[in-house]
Amino acid sequence: MNVTKVYTTPQGHSDFEVIDELRVEAVPFGKDTILLSQPIKCETLMAYEFDESSFLDWHNPPQSGYMVMLEGELEITVKNGKSKKFVAGDIFTTVDTTGSGHITKALKKGKALIIKL
């Protein structure tokens, strides 16, 4: 399962990279076999609701974490002008806790889960 990583480059600016962090493997489950990834420890889980006017100017997340989009649409923009849109079913991780940070803008009202590592 692909995850988009928002990270800090050596130059101190945020950028995007697609990573295969949640690779699934076949695991026996009773009489069946299911596909599961290796567990990742997390510290907290929060619900995040946003409306279409939600806008967070340049910022860094206070700590690394994952965002699992349940509904709606968010757009993240980094200093070099690149933007990525995230919709229901998308997962991204923010590890750019230093540097220039990113902008988060809601394009459609929605809900997400924030999983802090």
N, C-alpha and C. Protein backbone atom coordinates (compact mmCIF):
# COMPACT_ATOMS: atom_id res chain seq x y z
N MET A 1 0.86 -1.17 0.00
CA MET A 1 0.00 0.00 0.00
C MET A 1 0.91 1.23 0.00
N ASN A 2 0.76 2.08 -0.97
CA ASN A 2 1.59 3.27 -1.08
C ASN A 2 1.15 4.35 -0.10
N VAL A 3 2.13 5.04 0.43
CA VAL A 3 1.93 6.16 1.35
C VAL A 3 2.75 7.32 0.80
N THR A 4 2.18 8.53 0.78
CA THR A 4 2.95 9.70 0.39
C THR A 4 3.60 10.28 1.63
N LYS A 5 4.89 10.47 1.56
CA LYS A 5 5.67 11.00 2.68
C LYS A 5 5.99 12.47 2.40
N VAL A 6 5.66 13.33 3.36
CA VAL A 6 6.04 14.75 3.29
C VAL A 6 7.24 14.88 4.23
N TYR A 7 8.41 15.14 3.66
CA TYR A 7 9.65 15.12 4.44
C TYR A 7 10.46 16.40 4.21
N THR A 8 11.48 16.59 5.03
CA THR A 8 12.37 17.75 4.90
C THR A 8 13.62 17.34 4.13
N THR A 9 13.92 18.07 3.06
CA THR A 9 15.11 17.80 2.25
C THR A 9 16.35 18.30 3.00
N PRO A 10 17.55 17.91 2.56
CA PRO A 10 18.77 18.44 3.19
C PRO A 10 18.88 19.97 3.08
N GLN A 11 18.18 20.57 2.11
CA GLN A 11 18.18 22.03 1.95
C GLN A 11 17.19 22.71 2.90
N GLY A 12 16.44 21.93 3.67
CA GLY A 12 15.53 22.50 4.66
C GLY A 12 14.13 22.79 4.17
N HIS A 13 13.76 22.24 3.01
CA HIS A 13 12.42 22.46 2.47
C HIS A 13 11.65 21.14 2.42
N SER A 14 10.35 21.21 2.55
CA SER A 14 9.53 20.02 2.47
C SER A 14 9.37 19.57 1.03
N ASP A 15 9.20 18.26 0.84
CA ASP A 15 8.97 17.69 -0.48
C ASP A 15 8.17 16.41 -0.31
N PHE A 16 7.77 15.80 -1.43
CA PHE A 16 6.96 14.60 -1.43
C PHE A 16 7.76 13.40 -1.93
N GLU A 17 7.44 12.22 -1.41
CA GLU A 17 8.02 10.97 -1.89
C GLU A 17 6.99 9.87 -1.63
N VAL A 18 6.78 9.01 -2.62
CA VAL A 18 5.87 7.88 -2.44
C VAL A 18 6.69 6.72 -1.90
N ILE A 19 6.24 6.15 -0.78
CA ILE A 19 6.95 5.05 -0.15
C ILE A 19 6.02 3.85 -0.01
N ASP A 20 6.60 2.67 0.07
CA ASP A 20 5.82 1.44 0.23
C ASP A 20 5.98 0.98 1.67
N GLU A 21 5.52 1.81 2.60
CA GLU A 21 5.74 1.57 4.02
C GLU A 21 4.77 0.55 4.60
N LEU A 22 3.62 0.39 4.01
CA LEU A 22 2.62 -0.54 4.53
C LEU A 22 2.48 -1.75 3.61
N ARG A 23 3.60 -2.37 3.30
CA ARG A 23 3.61 -3.55 2.42
C ARG A 23 2.88 -4.69 3.12
N VAL A 24 1.94 -5.32 2.45
CA VAL A 24 1.16 -6.40 3.05
C VAL A 24 1.73 -7.75 2.66
N GLU A 25 1.54 -8.72 3.56
CA GLU A 25 1.97 -10.09 3.32
C GLU A 25 0.81 -11.02 3.68
N ALA A 26 0.78 -12.18 3.06
CA ALA A 26 -0.24 -13.18 3.38
C ALA A 26 0.02 -13.74 4.77
N VAL A 27 -1.04 -13.75 5.59
CA VAL A 27 -0.94 -14.23 6.97
C VAL A 27 -2.12 -15.19 7.21
N PRO A 28 -1.84 -16.39 7.78
CA PRO A 28 -2.94 -17.30 8.09
C PRO A 28 -3.86 -16.68 9.14
N PHE A 29 -5.16 -16.82 8.93
CA PHE A 29 -6.16 -16.30 9.87
C PHE A 29 -7.29 -17.30 9.93
N GLY A 30 -7.25 -18.17 10.96
CA GLY A 30 -8.23 -19.25 11.01
C GLY A 30 -8.06 -20.16 9.81
N LYS A 31 -9.15 -20.38 9.10
CA LYS A 31 -9.10 -21.22 7.90
C LYS A 31 -8.74 -20.42 6.65
N ASP A 32 -8.64 -19.12 6.79
CA ASP A 32 -8.37 -18.25 5.65
C ASP A 32 -6.96 -17.67 5.70
N THR A 33 -6.64 -16.94 4.68
CA THR A 33 -5.40 -16.17 4.63
C THR A 33 -5.80 -14.72 4.35
N ILE A 34 -5.24 -13.80 5.13
CA ILE A 34 -5.52 -12.38 4.90
C ILE A 34 -4.22 -11.64 4.63
N LEU A 35 -4.32 -10.46 4.08
CA LEU A 35 -3.15 -9.65 3.78
C LEU A 35 -3.00 -8.57 4.85
N LEU A 36 -1.87 -8.60 5.57
CA LEU A 36 -1.61 -7.63 6.64
C LEU A 36 -0.21 -7.06 6.50
N SER A 37 -0.05 -5.83 6.93
CA SER A 37 1.29 -5.24 7.00
C SER A 37 1.88 -5.52 8.38
N GLN A 38 3.15 -5.24 8.51
CA GLN A 38 3.79 -5.30 9.83
C GLN A 38 3.22 -4.17 10.68
N PRO A 39 3.09 -4.37 11.99
CA PRO A 39 2.55 -3.30 12.84
C PRO A 39 3.54 -2.14 12.97
N ILE A 40 2.98 -0.96 13.12
CA ILE A 40 3.77 0.24 13.39
C ILE A 40 3.23 0.81 14.70
N LYS A 41 4.11 0.98 15.68
CA LYS A 41 3.68 1.51 16.96
C LYS A 41 3.19 2.94 16.79
N CYS A 42 2.12 3.27 17.47
CA CYS A 42 1.64 4.64 17.46
C CYS A 42 1.38 5.10 18.89
N GLU A 43 1.44 6.41 19.06
CA GLU A 43 1.27 7.00 20.38
C GLU A 43 -0.17 7.41 20.64
N THR A 44 -0.78 8.08 19.66
CA THR A 44 -2.14 8.58 19.82
C THR A 44 -2.89 8.48 18.50
N LEU A 45 -4.21 8.52 18.62
CA LEU A 45 -5.10 8.53 17.46
C LEU A 45 -6.10 9.66 17.68
N MET A 46 -6.25 10.53 16.69
CA MET A 46 -7.19 11.65 16.79
C MET A 46 -8.07 11.69 15.56
N ALA A 47 -9.29 12.15 15.74
CA ALA A 47 -10.19 12.41 14.62
C ALA A 47 -10.00 13.87 14.21
N TYR A 48 -10.01 14.12 12.92
CA TYR A 48 -9.84 15.47 12.37
C TYR A 48 -10.98 15.72 11.42
N GLU A 49 -11.78 16.75 11.70
CA GLU A 49 -12.85 17.16 10.79
C GLU A 49 -12.53 18.55 10.27
N PHE A 50 -12.78 18.76 9.00
CA PHE A 50 -12.47 20.05 8.39
C PHE A 50 -13.56 20.41 7.40
N ASP A 51 -13.78 21.73 7.25
CA ASP A 51 -14.73 22.17 6.23
C ASP A 51 -13.95 22.69 5.03
N GLU A 52 -14.68 23.05 3.99
CA GLU A 52 -14.02 23.44 2.74
C GLU A 52 -13.25 24.76 2.84
N SER A 53 -13.39 25.50 3.93
CA SER A 53 -12.64 26.75 4.08
C SER A 53 -11.43 26.59 4.99
N SER A 54 -11.16 25.38 5.45
CA SER A 54 -10.02 25.16 6.34
C SER A 54 -8.71 25.42 5.62
N PHE A 55 -7.82 26.19 6.27
CA PHE A 55 -6.54 26.56 5.67
C PHE A 55 -5.50 26.70 6.78
N LEU A 56 -4.41 25.96 6.67
CA LEU A 56 -3.29 26.08 7.59
C LEU A 56 -2.10 26.62 6.82
N ASP A 57 -1.72 27.86 7.11
CA ASP A 57 -0.59 28.47 6.42
C ASP A 57 0.69 27.71 6.76
N TRP A 58 1.83 28.17 6.29
CA TRP A 58 3.11 27.46 6.46
C TRP A 58 3.27 26.97 7.88
N HIS A 59 3.48 25.67 8.02
CA HIS A 59 3.64 25.07 9.34
C HIS A 59 4.40 23.76 9.24
N ASN A 60 4.90 23.32 10.37
CA ASN A 60 5.49 21.99 10.52
C ASN A 60 4.61 21.23 11.50
N PRO A 61 4.44 19.94 11.29
CA PRO A 61 3.69 19.17 12.29
C PRO A 61 4.50 19.12 13.59
N PRO A 62 3.83 19.09 14.73
CA PRO A 62 4.56 19.05 16.00
C PRO A 62 5.32 17.74 16.19
N GLN A 63 4.87 16.67 15.54
CA GLN A 63 5.58 15.39 15.57
C GLN A 63 5.16 14.59 14.34
N SER A 64 5.94 13.58 14.02
CA SER A 64 5.63 12.74 12.86
C SER A 64 4.34 11.98 13.07
N GLY A 65 3.66 11.72 11.96
CA GLY A 65 2.42 10.97 12.05
C GLY A 65 1.87 10.62 10.69
N TYR A 66 0.78 9.88 10.70
CA TYR A 66 0.06 9.48 9.49
C TYR A 66 -1.29 10.16 9.47
N MET A 67 -1.78 10.46 8.29
CA MET A 67 -3.15 10.91 8.14
C MET A 67 -3.83 9.96 7.17
N VAL A 68 -4.96 9.42 7.62
CA VAL A 68 -5.76 8.51 6.80
C VAL A 68 -7.02 9.27 6.42
N MET A 69 -7.16 9.55 5.15
CA MET A 69 -8.31 10.31 4.66
C MET A 69 -9.54 9.41 4.61
N LEU A 70 -10.59 9.82 5.32
CA LEU A 70 -11.85 9.07 5.33
C LEU A 70 -12.84 9.63 4.32
N GLU A 71 -12.89 10.96 4.22
CA GLU A 71 -13.75 11.62 3.22
C GLU A 71 -13.23 13.03 3.03
N GLY A 72 -13.66 13.67 1.96
CA GLY A 72 -13.23 15.02 1.66
C GLY A 72 -11.97 15.05 0.82
N GLU A 73 -11.36 16.25 0.76
CA GLU A 73 -10.17 16.42 -0.06
C GLU A 73 -9.28 17.51 0.54
N LEU A 74 -8.00 17.18 0.72
CA LEU A 74 -7.00 18.13 1.20
C LEU A 74 -5.92 18.30 0.14
N GLU A 75 -5.32 19.48 0.11
CA GLU A 75 -4.19 19.73 -0.77
C GLU A 75 -3.03 20.24 0.08
N ILE A 76 -1.87 19.63 -0.10
CA ILE A 76 -0.66 20.08 0.59
C ILE A 76 0.27 20.68 -0.44
N THR A 77 0.81 21.86 -0.12
CA THR A 77 1.75 22.57 -0.99
C THR A 77 3.05 22.77 -0.24
N VAL A 78 4.18 22.54 -0.93
CA VAL A 78 5.50 22.75 -0.35
C VAL A 78 6.18 23.94 -1.04
N LYS A 79 7.29 24.42 -0.46
CA LYS A 79 7.96 25.66 -0.92
C LYS A 79 8.33 25.68 -2.39
N ASN A 80 8.70 24.52 -2.97
CA ASN A 80 9.10 24.53 -4.39
C ASN A 80 7.90 24.63 -5.33
N GLY A 81 6.69 24.79 -4.76
CA GLY A 81 5.49 24.96 -5.57
C GLY A 81 4.74 23.68 -5.86
N LYS A 82 5.32 22.53 -5.54
CA LYS A 82 4.63 21.26 -5.77
C LYS A 82 3.43 21.16 -4.82
N SER A 83 2.34 20.58 -5.34
CA SER A 83 1.15 20.33 -4.54
C SER A 83 0.68 18.91 -4.79
N LYS A 84 0.08 18.32 -3.77
CA LYS A 84 -0.54 17.00 -3.91
C LYS A 84 -1.91 17.05 -3.26
N LYS A 85 -2.88 16.40 -3.93
CA LYS A 85 -4.24 16.30 -3.39
C LYS A 85 -4.42 14.92 -2.78
N PHE A 86 -5.14 14.89 -1.67
CA PHE A 86 -5.41 13.65 -0.96
C PHE A 86 -6.92 13.52 -0.77
N VAL A 87 -7.45 12.36 -1.13
CA VAL A 87 -8.90 12.09 -1.07
C VAL A 87 -9.15 10.84 -0.23
N ALA A 88 -10.43 10.52 -0.03
CA ALA A 88 -10.81 9.34 0.76
C ALA A 88 -10.03 8.11 0.31
N GLY A 89 -9.45 7.42 1.30
CA GLY A 89 -8.66 6.22 1.02
C GLY A 89 -7.17 6.48 0.94
N ASP A 90 -6.77 7.73 0.77
CA ASP A 90 -5.34 8.06 0.71
C ASP A 90 -4.75 8.09 2.11
N ILE A 91 -3.46 7.75 2.18
CA ILE A 91 -2.70 7.82 3.42
C ILE A 91 -1.45 8.63 3.14
N PHE A 92 -1.15 9.58 4.02
CA PHE A 92 0.13 10.26 3.91
C PHE A 92 0.74 10.40 5.29
N THR A 93 2.06 10.54 5.30
CA THR A 93 2.78 10.70 6.55
C THR A 93 3.55 12.02 6.51
N THR A 94 3.48 12.75 7.59
CA THR A 94 4.18 14.03 7.69
C THR A 94 5.35 13.87 8.66
N VAL A 95 6.55 13.96 8.11
CA VAL A 95 7.75 13.86 8.93
C VAL A 95 8.61 15.12 8.78
N ASP A 96 8.04 16.15 8.17
CA ASP A 96 8.76 17.42 7.98
C ASP A 96 8.59 18.32 9.22
N THR A 97 9.10 17.83 10.34
CA THR A 97 8.95 18.56 11.61
C THR A 97 9.92 19.72 11.74
N THR A 98 10.83 19.86 10.79
CA THR A 98 11.76 21.00 10.75
C THR A 98 11.74 21.58 9.35
N GLY A 99 12.39 22.72 9.18
CA GLY A 99 12.50 23.32 7.85
C GLY A 99 11.34 24.24 7.53
N SER A 100 11.13 24.48 6.24
CA SER A 100 10.15 25.47 5.79
C SER A 100 8.69 25.03 5.94
N GLY A 101 8.45 23.72 6.09
CA GLY A 101 7.09 23.25 6.31
C GLY A 101 6.25 23.22 5.05
N HIS A 102 4.93 23.20 5.24
CA HIS A 102 3.99 23.08 4.13
C HIS A 102 2.68 23.80 4.47
N ILE A 103 1.86 23.99 3.44
CA ILE A 103 0.52 24.57 3.58
C ILE A 103 -0.48 23.43 3.42
N THR A 104 -1.52 23.43 4.24
CA THR A 104 -2.61 22.45 4.09
C THR A 104 -3.90 23.21 3.85
N LYS A 105 -4.55 22.88 2.74
CA LYS A 105 -5.80 23.55 2.36
C LYS A 105 -6.86 22.51 2.07
N ALA A 106 -8.04 22.71 2.65
CA ALA A 106 -9.16 21.81 2.36
C ALA A 106 -9.82 22.25 1.06
N LEU A 107 -10.08 21.30 0.18
CA LEU A 107 -10.79 21.58 -1.06
C LEU A 107 -12.24 21.13 -0.97
N LYS A 108 -12.49 20.13 -0.12
CA LYS A 108 -13.84 19.63 0.15
C LYS A 108 -13.92 19.26 1.62
N LYS A 109 -15.07 19.52 2.22
CA LYS A 109 -15.32 19.16 3.61
C LYS A 109 -15.01 17.67 3.81
N GLY A 110 -14.44 17.34 4.98
CA GLY A 110 -14.13 15.94 5.18
C GLY A 110 -13.73 15.56 6.58
N LYS A 111 -13.26 14.31 6.68
CA LYS A 111 -12.83 13.73 7.95
C LYS A 111 -11.58 12.90 7.69
N ALA A 112 -10.72 12.86 8.70
CA ALA A 112 -9.52 12.05 8.61
C ALA A 112 -9.13 11.57 10.00
N LEU A 113 -8.29 10.56 10.03
CA LEU A 113 -7.70 10.10 11.27
C LEU A 113 -6.25 10.52 11.28
N ILE A 114 -5.79 11.07 12.40
CA ILE A 114 -4.38 11.43 12.56
C ILE A 114 -3.79 10.44 13.55
N ILE A 115 -2.77 9.75 13.12
CA ILE A 115 -2.10 8.75 13.95
C ILE A 115 -0.71 9.27 14.23
N LYS A 116 -0.46 9.65 15.47
CA LYS A 116 0.85 10.19 15.85
C LYS A 116 1.77 9.06 16.26
N LEU A 117 3.01 9.12 15.79
CA LEU A 117 4.00 8.07 16.09
C LEU A 117 4.77 8.39 17.35
